[in-house]
N, C-alpha and C. Protein backbone atom coordinates (compact mmCIF):
# COMPACT_ATOMS: atom_id res chain seq x y z
N MET A 1 34.23 -10.66 -24.77
CA MET A 1 33.96 -9.49 -23.96
C MET A 1 32.81 -9.77 -23.00
N ALA A 2 32.97 -9.40 -21.75
CA ALA A 2 31.95 -9.62 -20.73
C ALA A 2 30.89 -8.51 -20.78
N LEU A 3 29.70 -8.84 -20.34
CA LEU A 3 28.63 -7.86 -20.25
C LEU A 3 29.00 -6.82 -19.20
N THR A 4 28.89 -5.54 -19.55
CA THR A 4 29.19 -4.46 -18.62
C THR A 4 28.02 -3.47 -18.58
N LEU A 5 27.87 -2.82 -17.43
CA LEU A 5 26.79 -1.87 -17.19
C LEU A 5 27.37 -0.59 -16.61
N ILE A 6 27.02 0.56 -17.19
CA ILE A 6 27.50 1.85 -16.72
C ILE A 6 26.35 2.87 -16.71
N SER A 7 26.61 4.02 -16.08
CA SER A 7 25.67 5.13 -16.09
C SER A 7 26.44 6.43 -16.24
N LYS A 8 25.86 7.37 -16.98
CA LYS A 8 26.44 8.71 -17.06
C LYS A 8 26.18 9.50 -15.79
N ALA A 9 25.25 9.01 -14.95
CA ALA A 9 24.85 9.73 -13.75
C ALA A 9 25.77 9.48 -12.55
N PHE A 10 26.36 8.28 -12.47
CA PHE A 10 27.25 7.95 -11.35
C PHE A 10 28.15 6.79 -11.75
N ALA A 11 29.29 6.72 -11.11
CA ALA A 11 30.26 5.65 -11.38
C ALA A 11 30.15 4.56 -10.31
N GLU A 12 30.77 3.44 -10.56
CA GLU A 12 30.78 2.32 -9.62
C GLU A 12 31.23 2.77 -8.23
N ASP A 13 30.43 2.41 -7.23
CA ASP A 13 30.71 2.72 -5.82
C ASP A 13 30.78 4.21 -5.50
N GLU A 14 30.19 5.02 -6.34
CA GLU A 14 30.13 6.47 -6.12
C GLU A 14 28.70 6.86 -5.75
N PRO A 15 28.53 8.06 -5.15
CA PRO A 15 27.19 8.51 -4.75
C PRO A 15 26.24 8.68 -5.95
N ILE A 16 25.01 8.27 -5.73
CA ILE A 16 23.94 8.50 -6.70
C ILE A 16 23.43 9.92 -6.47
N PRO A 17 23.38 10.77 -7.50
CA PRO A 17 22.89 12.13 -7.30
C PRO A 17 21.45 12.16 -6.77
N THR A 18 21.15 13.16 -5.95
CA THR A 18 19.83 13.30 -5.34
C THR A 18 18.71 13.32 -6.37
N LYS A 19 18.98 13.79 -7.56
CA LYS A 19 17.97 13.80 -8.64
C LYS A 19 17.33 12.43 -8.81
N TYR A 20 18.10 11.37 -8.58
CA TYR A 20 17.63 10.00 -8.82
C TYR A 20 17.10 9.33 -7.55
N ALA A 21 17.02 10.08 -6.45
CA ALA A 21 16.52 9.57 -5.16
C ALA A 21 15.03 9.87 -5.02
N LEU A 22 14.37 9.09 -4.19
CA LEU A 22 12.95 9.28 -3.95
C LEU A 22 12.68 10.67 -3.38
N THR A 23 13.59 11.17 -2.56
CA THR A 23 13.43 12.49 -1.96
C THR A 23 13.85 13.62 -2.89
N GLY A 24 14.43 13.27 -4.03
CA GLY A 24 14.79 14.25 -5.05
C GLY A 24 13.70 14.28 -6.12
N GLU A 25 14.13 14.18 -7.38
CA GLU A 25 13.15 14.17 -8.47
C GLU A 25 12.62 12.76 -8.76
N ASN A 26 13.22 11.74 -8.15
CA ASN A 26 12.81 10.34 -8.32
C ASN A 26 12.85 9.93 -9.79
N VAL A 27 13.90 10.32 -10.48
CA VAL A 27 14.08 10.04 -11.90
C VAL A 27 14.92 8.78 -12.08
N PHE A 28 14.52 7.91 -12.99
CA PHE A 28 15.31 6.72 -13.31
C PHE A 28 16.61 7.17 -13.97
N PRO A 29 17.76 6.70 -13.47
CA PRO A 29 19.04 7.15 -14.05
C PRO A 29 19.32 6.49 -15.41
N PRO A 30 20.03 7.19 -16.29
CA PRO A 30 20.37 6.59 -17.58
C PRO A 30 21.36 5.45 -17.39
N LEU A 31 21.16 4.37 -18.13
CA LEU A 31 22.05 3.21 -18.09
C LEU A 31 22.46 2.83 -19.50
N ALA A 32 23.65 2.27 -19.62
CA ALA A 32 24.14 1.78 -20.92
C ALA A 32 24.90 0.49 -20.68
N TRP A 33 24.88 -0.40 -21.66
CA TRP A 33 25.60 -1.66 -21.54
C TRP A 33 26.19 -2.09 -22.87
N ASN A 34 27.16 -3.00 -22.77
CA ASN A 34 27.72 -3.63 -23.97
C ASN A 34 28.28 -4.99 -23.58
N GLY A 35 28.65 -5.75 -24.60
CA GLY A 35 29.23 -7.07 -24.36
C GLY A 35 28.22 -8.17 -24.14
N ALA A 36 26.98 -7.99 -24.57
CA ALA A 36 25.97 -9.04 -24.41
C ALA A 36 26.31 -10.24 -25.29
N PRO A 37 26.04 -11.44 -24.81
CA PRO A 37 26.27 -12.63 -25.64
C PRO A 37 25.44 -12.58 -26.93
N ASP A 38 25.94 -13.17 -27.98
CA ASP A 38 25.23 -13.18 -29.27
C ASP A 38 23.86 -13.83 -29.16
N GLU A 39 23.69 -14.76 -28.23
CA GLU A 39 22.43 -15.49 -28.08
C GLU A 39 21.36 -14.70 -27.32
N THR A 40 21.67 -13.49 -26.89
CA THR A 40 20.73 -12.69 -26.09
C THR A 40 19.45 -12.41 -26.88
N ARG A 41 18.31 -12.70 -26.24
CA ARG A 41 17.00 -12.46 -26.87
C ARG A 41 16.23 -11.34 -26.18
N SER A 42 16.65 -10.98 -24.95
CA SER A 42 16.08 -9.84 -24.23
C SER A 42 16.94 -9.59 -23.00
N PHE A 43 16.60 -8.49 -22.28
CA PHE A 43 17.30 -8.15 -21.04
C PHE A 43 16.27 -7.94 -19.93
N ALA A 44 16.75 -8.02 -18.71
CA ALA A 44 15.94 -7.68 -17.53
C ALA A 44 16.84 -6.92 -16.57
N LEU A 45 16.23 -6.10 -15.73
CA LEU A 45 16.97 -5.29 -14.77
C LEU A 45 16.24 -5.27 -13.44
N ILE A 46 17.01 -5.33 -12.37
CA ILE A 46 16.46 -5.15 -11.03
C ILE A 46 17.37 -4.18 -10.29
N VAL A 47 16.77 -3.35 -9.43
CA VAL A 47 17.53 -2.41 -8.59
C VAL A 47 17.23 -2.78 -7.15
N GLU A 48 18.29 -3.09 -6.38
CA GLU A 48 18.11 -3.57 -5.02
C GLU A 48 18.98 -2.81 -4.03
N ASP A 49 18.45 -2.65 -2.81
CA ASP A 49 19.19 -2.10 -1.68
C ASP A 49 19.40 -3.23 -0.67
N PRO A 50 20.58 -3.85 -0.66
CA PRO A 50 20.82 -4.95 0.28
C PRO A 50 21.04 -4.48 1.72
N ASP A 51 21.12 -3.17 1.93
CA ASP A 51 21.40 -2.62 3.26
C ASP A 51 20.15 -2.14 3.99
N ALA A 52 18.99 -2.36 3.42
CA ALA A 52 17.74 -1.93 4.05
C ALA A 52 17.56 -2.64 5.40
N PRO A 53 17.02 -1.96 6.41
CA PRO A 53 16.88 -2.55 7.74
C PRO A 53 16.11 -3.87 7.77
N SER A 54 15.12 -4.02 6.89
CA SER A 54 14.30 -5.24 6.90
C SER A 54 14.81 -6.30 5.92
N GLY A 55 15.98 -6.09 5.34
CA GLY A 55 16.52 -7.02 4.34
C GLY A 55 16.48 -6.38 2.97
N THR A 56 16.90 -7.11 1.96
CA THR A 56 16.99 -6.55 0.60
C THR A 56 15.67 -5.94 0.18
N PHE A 57 15.74 -4.69 -0.29
CA PHE A 57 14.57 -3.93 -0.73
C PHE A 57 14.71 -3.66 -2.21
N ARG A 58 13.68 -3.99 -2.98
CA ARG A 58 13.72 -3.83 -4.44
C ARG A 58 13.06 -2.52 -4.86
N HIS A 59 13.82 -1.71 -5.58
CA HIS A 59 13.35 -0.38 -6.01
C HIS A 59 12.81 -0.37 -7.43
N CYS A 60 13.10 -1.41 -8.21
CA CYS A 60 12.65 -1.44 -9.61
C CYS A 60 12.88 -2.83 -10.17
N GLY A 61 11.98 -3.26 -11.03
CA GLY A 61 12.14 -4.50 -11.77
C GLY A 61 11.59 -4.32 -13.17
N ILE A 62 12.41 -4.56 -14.17
CA ILE A 62 12.01 -4.39 -15.57
C ILE A 62 12.37 -5.64 -16.35
N ALA A 63 11.44 -6.14 -17.15
CA ALA A 63 11.71 -7.26 -18.04
C ALA A 63 11.28 -6.88 -19.46
N ASN A 64 11.59 -7.77 -20.39
CA ASN A 64 11.22 -7.61 -21.80
C ASN A 64 11.90 -6.42 -22.46
N ILE A 65 13.11 -6.12 -22.02
CA ILE A 65 13.91 -5.08 -22.68
C ILE A 65 14.44 -5.71 -23.97
N PRO A 66 14.15 -5.12 -25.13
CA PRO A 66 14.55 -5.74 -26.39
C PRO A 66 16.06 -5.98 -26.50
N ALA A 67 16.41 -7.09 -27.11
CA ALA A 67 17.82 -7.49 -27.27
C ALA A 67 18.61 -6.47 -28.07
N ARG A 68 17.97 -5.72 -28.96
CA ARG A 68 18.68 -4.75 -29.80
C ARG A 68 19.07 -3.48 -29.03
N TRP A 69 18.51 -3.29 -27.84
CA TRP A 69 18.80 -2.10 -27.04
C TRP A 69 20.16 -2.23 -26.37
N ASP A 70 20.81 -1.08 -26.18
CA ASP A 70 22.09 -1.05 -25.48
C ASP A 70 22.06 -0.09 -24.30
N GLY A 71 20.85 0.19 -23.81
CA GLY A 71 20.71 1.06 -22.66
C GLY A 71 19.27 1.41 -22.37
N LEU A 72 19.08 2.13 -21.26
CA LEU A 72 17.78 2.66 -20.87
C LEU A 72 17.94 4.15 -20.63
N ALA A 73 17.06 4.91 -21.21
CA ALA A 73 17.13 6.37 -21.11
C ALA A 73 16.72 6.85 -19.72
N GLU A 74 17.21 8.01 -19.35
CA GLU A 74 16.75 8.65 -18.12
C GLU A 74 15.23 8.76 -18.18
N SER A 75 14.58 8.50 -17.07
CA SER A 75 13.11 8.56 -16.95
C SER A 75 12.40 7.51 -17.80
N VAL A 76 13.07 6.41 -18.12
CA VAL A 76 12.46 5.38 -18.98
C VAL A 76 11.13 4.90 -18.43
N ASP A 77 10.96 4.93 -17.12
CA ASP A 77 9.71 4.44 -16.52
C ASP A 77 8.52 5.38 -16.76
N THR A 78 8.77 6.58 -17.27
CA THR A 78 7.67 7.50 -17.56
C THR A 78 7.35 7.54 -19.05
N LEU A 79 8.14 6.85 -19.86
CA LEU A 79 7.91 6.81 -21.30
C LEU A 79 6.86 5.76 -21.63
N GLN A 80 6.20 5.91 -22.73
CA GLN A 80 5.17 4.96 -23.14
C GLN A 80 5.76 3.88 -24.04
N GLU A 81 6.78 3.21 -23.56
CA GLU A 81 7.45 2.16 -24.33
C GLU A 81 6.72 0.84 -24.11
N GLN A 82 6.10 0.32 -25.15
CA GLN A 82 5.28 -0.88 -25.04
C GLN A 82 6.09 -2.15 -24.77
N ALA A 83 7.33 -2.19 -25.19
CA ALA A 83 8.12 -3.41 -25.06
C ALA A 83 8.43 -3.74 -23.60
N LEU A 84 8.64 -2.72 -22.80
CA LEU A 84 9.07 -2.93 -21.41
C LEU A 84 7.92 -3.36 -20.51
N ARG A 85 8.26 -4.17 -19.53
CA ARG A 85 7.29 -4.56 -18.51
C ARG A 85 7.88 -4.26 -17.15
N PHE A 86 7.27 -3.34 -16.42
CA PHE A 86 7.70 -2.99 -15.07
C PHE A 86 6.93 -3.85 -14.07
N TYR A 87 7.65 -4.40 -13.10
CA TYR A 87 7.04 -5.19 -12.05
C TYR A 87 7.06 -4.38 -10.76
N LYS A 88 6.11 -4.68 -9.87
CA LYS A 88 5.98 -3.89 -8.64
C LYS A 88 7.25 -3.96 -7.80
N ASN A 89 7.69 -2.77 -7.38
CA ASN A 89 8.82 -2.69 -6.45
C ASN A 89 8.30 -2.89 -5.03
N ASP A 90 9.17 -2.83 -4.05
CA ASP A 90 8.74 -3.07 -2.68
C ASP A 90 7.96 -1.91 -2.07
N PHE A 91 7.85 -0.80 -2.79
CA PHE A 91 6.94 0.28 -2.40
C PHE A 91 5.53 -0.04 -2.88
N GLY A 92 5.41 -1.04 -3.79
CA GLY A 92 4.12 -1.41 -4.36
C GLY A 92 3.82 -0.76 -5.69
N ASN A 93 4.84 -0.12 -6.30
CA ASN A 93 4.65 0.59 -7.56
C ASN A 93 5.34 -0.11 -8.72
N ALA A 94 4.68 -0.18 -9.87
CA ALA A 94 5.27 -0.78 -11.07
C ALA A 94 6.03 0.31 -11.83
N ARG A 95 7.12 0.75 -11.22
CA ARG A 95 7.98 1.80 -11.78
C ARG A 95 9.26 1.84 -10.94
N TYR A 96 10.13 2.77 -11.26
CA TYR A 96 11.32 3.02 -10.47
C TYR A 96 10.97 3.95 -9.32
N ASP A 97 11.41 3.62 -8.13
CA ASP A 97 11.39 4.53 -6.99
C ASP A 97 12.80 4.52 -6.44
N GLY A 98 13.42 5.68 -6.39
CA GLY A 98 14.83 5.80 -6.05
C GLY A 98 15.17 5.59 -4.59
N PRO A 99 16.46 5.75 -4.29
CA PRO A 99 16.96 5.56 -2.93
C PRO A 99 16.22 6.41 -1.89
N GLN A 100 16.00 5.81 -0.73
CA GLN A 100 15.42 6.52 0.41
C GLN A 100 15.79 5.77 1.68
N PRO A 101 17.08 5.73 2.01
CA PRO A 101 17.45 5.03 3.25
C PRO A 101 16.94 5.82 4.46
N PRO A 102 16.72 5.12 5.57
CA PRO A 102 16.28 5.83 6.78
C PRO A 102 17.28 6.91 7.19
N SER A 103 16.76 8.01 7.66
CA SER A 103 17.61 9.10 8.13
C SER A 103 18.51 8.59 9.26
N GLY A 104 19.78 8.94 9.19
CA GLY A 104 20.73 8.52 10.20
C GLY A 104 21.45 7.22 9.87
N ASP A 105 20.94 6.47 8.88
CA ASP A 105 21.63 5.24 8.47
C ASP A 105 22.93 5.59 7.77
N PRO A 106 23.92 4.69 7.85
CA PRO A 106 25.12 4.89 7.03
C PRO A 106 24.72 4.75 5.56
N PRO A 107 25.59 5.10 4.64
CA PRO A 107 25.24 4.98 3.21
C PRO A 107 24.78 3.56 2.85
N HIS A 108 23.73 3.52 2.03
CA HIS A 108 23.24 2.24 1.51
C HIS A 108 23.79 2.03 0.11
N ARG A 109 23.95 0.76 -0.25
CA ARG A 109 24.34 0.40 -1.62
C ARG A 109 23.08 0.13 -2.43
N TYR A 110 23.07 0.63 -3.66
CA TYR A 110 21.96 0.38 -4.59
C TYR A 110 22.57 -0.31 -5.79
N ILE A 111 22.18 -1.58 -5.96
CA ILE A 111 22.79 -2.41 -7.00
C ILE A 111 21.83 -2.55 -8.17
N PHE A 112 22.28 -2.07 -9.32
CA PHE A 112 21.54 -2.20 -10.57
C PHE A 112 22.09 -3.46 -11.24
N ARG A 113 21.25 -4.49 -11.39
CA ARG A 113 21.68 -5.77 -11.98
C ARG A 113 20.98 -5.94 -13.34
N LEU A 114 21.79 -6.14 -14.36
CA LEU A 114 21.28 -6.37 -15.71
C LEU A 114 21.53 -7.81 -16.09
N ALA A 115 20.52 -8.47 -16.63
CA ALA A 115 20.65 -9.86 -17.08
C ALA A 115 20.37 -9.94 -18.57
N ALA A 116 21.25 -10.60 -19.30
CA ALA A 116 21.01 -10.96 -20.69
C ALA A 116 20.31 -12.31 -20.67
N LEU A 117 19.19 -12.42 -21.38
CA LEU A 117 18.35 -13.62 -21.30
C LEU A 117 18.28 -14.38 -22.62
N ASP A 118 17.98 -15.68 -22.50
CA ASP A 118 17.85 -16.54 -23.68
C ASP A 118 16.41 -16.64 -24.18
N VAL A 119 15.50 -15.82 -23.63
CA VAL A 119 14.10 -15.79 -24.06
C VAL A 119 13.72 -14.35 -24.44
N PRO A 120 12.79 -14.19 -25.40
CA PRO A 120 12.42 -12.83 -25.81
C PRO A 120 11.50 -12.10 -24.83
N ARG A 121 10.76 -12.87 -24.03
CA ARG A 121 9.81 -12.26 -23.09
C ARG A 121 9.74 -13.07 -21.81
N VAL A 122 9.45 -12.36 -20.71
CA VAL A 122 9.15 -12.99 -19.44
C VAL A 122 7.71 -12.62 -19.13
N THR A 123 6.91 -13.62 -18.79
CA THR A 123 5.50 -13.36 -18.51
C THR A 123 5.16 -13.84 -17.11
N LEU A 124 4.67 -12.91 -16.32
CA LEU A 124 4.24 -13.21 -14.95
C LEU A 124 2.90 -12.50 -14.72
N PRO A 125 2.15 -12.91 -13.71
CA PRO A 125 0.89 -12.23 -13.41
C PRO A 125 1.12 -10.74 -13.11
N GLU A 126 0.10 -9.96 -13.36
CA GLU A 126 0.15 -8.51 -13.13
C GLU A 126 0.61 -8.17 -11.71
N ALA A 127 0.18 -8.96 -10.74
CA ALA A 127 0.50 -8.68 -9.35
C ALA A 127 1.91 -9.10 -8.95
N ALA A 128 2.63 -9.75 -9.83
CA ALA A 128 3.98 -10.23 -9.49
C ALA A 128 4.90 -9.04 -9.20
N GLY A 129 5.77 -9.25 -8.27
CA GLY A 129 6.71 -8.19 -7.91
C GLY A 129 8.06 -8.40 -8.55
N ALA A 130 8.94 -7.42 -8.32
CA ALA A 130 10.29 -7.45 -8.89
C ALA A 130 11.06 -8.69 -8.42
N GLU A 131 10.88 -9.08 -7.16
CA GLU A 131 11.60 -10.24 -6.64
C GLU A 131 11.19 -11.51 -7.40
N ALA A 132 9.89 -11.71 -7.61
CA ALA A 132 9.39 -12.88 -8.35
C ALA A 132 9.90 -12.85 -9.79
N MET A 133 9.89 -11.68 -10.41
CA MET A 133 10.39 -11.54 -11.77
C MET A 133 11.85 -11.98 -11.84
N TRP A 134 12.66 -11.55 -10.88
CA TRP A 134 14.09 -11.86 -10.90
C TRP A 134 14.34 -13.36 -10.71
N ARG A 135 13.50 -14.02 -9.91
CA ARG A 135 13.63 -15.48 -9.74
C ARG A 135 13.43 -16.19 -11.08
N ILE A 136 12.45 -15.76 -11.86
CA ILE A 136 12.19 -16.35 -13.19
C ILE A 136 13.34 -16.01 -14.14
N VAL A 137 13.76 -14.77 -14.12
CA VAL A 137 14.84 -14.30 -14.99
C VAL A 137 16.12 -15.12 -14.80
N ARG A 138 16.45 -15.43 -13.58
CA ARG A 138 17.70 -16.16 -13.30
C ARG A 138 17.75 -17.51 -14.01
N LYS A 139 16.60 -18.10 -14.28
CA LYS A 139 16.55 -19.39 -14.98
C LYS A 139 16.92 -19.26 -16.46
N HIS A 140 16.87 -18.04 -16.98
CA HIS A 140 17.12 -17.79 -18.41
C HIS A 140 18.37 -16.93 -18.65
N MET A 141 19.15 -16.73 -17.62
CA MET A 141 20.28 -15.81 -17.68
C MET A 141 21.47 -16.38 -18.45
N LEU A 142 21.93 -15.60 -19.43
CA LEU A 142 23.14 -15.93 -20.17
C LEU A 142 24.35 -15.22 -19.58
N ALA A 143 24.13 -14.00 -19.09
CA ALA A 143 25.20 -13.17 -18.52
C ALA A 143 24.56 -12.14 -17.61
N GLU A 144 25.37 -11.64 -16.67
CA GLU A 144 24.89 -10.62 -15.74
C GLU A 144 25.97 -9.57 -15.54
N ALA A 145 25.53 -8.33 -15.42
CA ALA A 145 26.44 -7.21 -15.11
C ALA A 145 25.77 -6.40 -14.00
N SER A 146 26.58 -5.70 -13.22
CA SER A 146 26.00 -4.88 -12.16
C SER A 146 26.73 -3.55 -12.06
N LEU A 147 26.03 -2.60 -11.50
CA LEU A 147 26.56 -1.28 -11.21
C LEU A 147 26.04 -0.90 -9.84
N THR A 148 26.94 -0.53 -8.94
CA THR A 148 26.56 -0.19 -7.58
C THR A 148 26.80 1.29 -7.31
N GLY A 149 25.75 1.98 -6.85
CA GLY A 149 25.87 3.35 -6.41
C GLY A 149 25.55 3.40 -4.93
N ILE A 150 25.95 4.46 -4.26
CA ILE A 150 25.65 4.60 -2.85
C ILE A 150 24.80 5.86 -2.62
N TYR A 151 24.03 5.83 -1.53
CA TYR A 151 23.20 6.99 -1.21
C TYR A 151 22.97 7.01 0.30
N GLN A 152 22.98 8.23 0.83
CA GLN A 152 22.70 8.45 2.25
C GLN A 152 21.79 9.65 2.38
N SER A 153 20.76 9.52 3.21
CA SER A 153 19.80 10.64 3.41
C SER A 153 20.44 11.71 4.27
């Protein structure tokens, strides 16, 4: 079975509800996964907008998600979960910041990428961003799943 990623908030290639957008409540959407390889020791997640005017924009980066987990709860970035490590997004915040495409742009794609890793932890300097985290994560990736939502201001 392949690694799969879903959300109760939106389906593949469907609109992301405003609740999860920066201009809405800016809430991290609930995610669930299954089919991780038996060798998985942890997970990592990145949320990217490849349609941003200046190039790919990272909205969230999370590492050190325990291997025993099968999802992330809504608003996970506001919980005091010690296991998780949030890396700075391109807004400069170590949390989730939702979609905010420029007004008048066509719909942007927001890709949630989940990686099953062969290491229990990823360690980077405090100032490291989501992009740097993902570069390290890719070296330890056993499997990857993605979920794409769309959003337009």
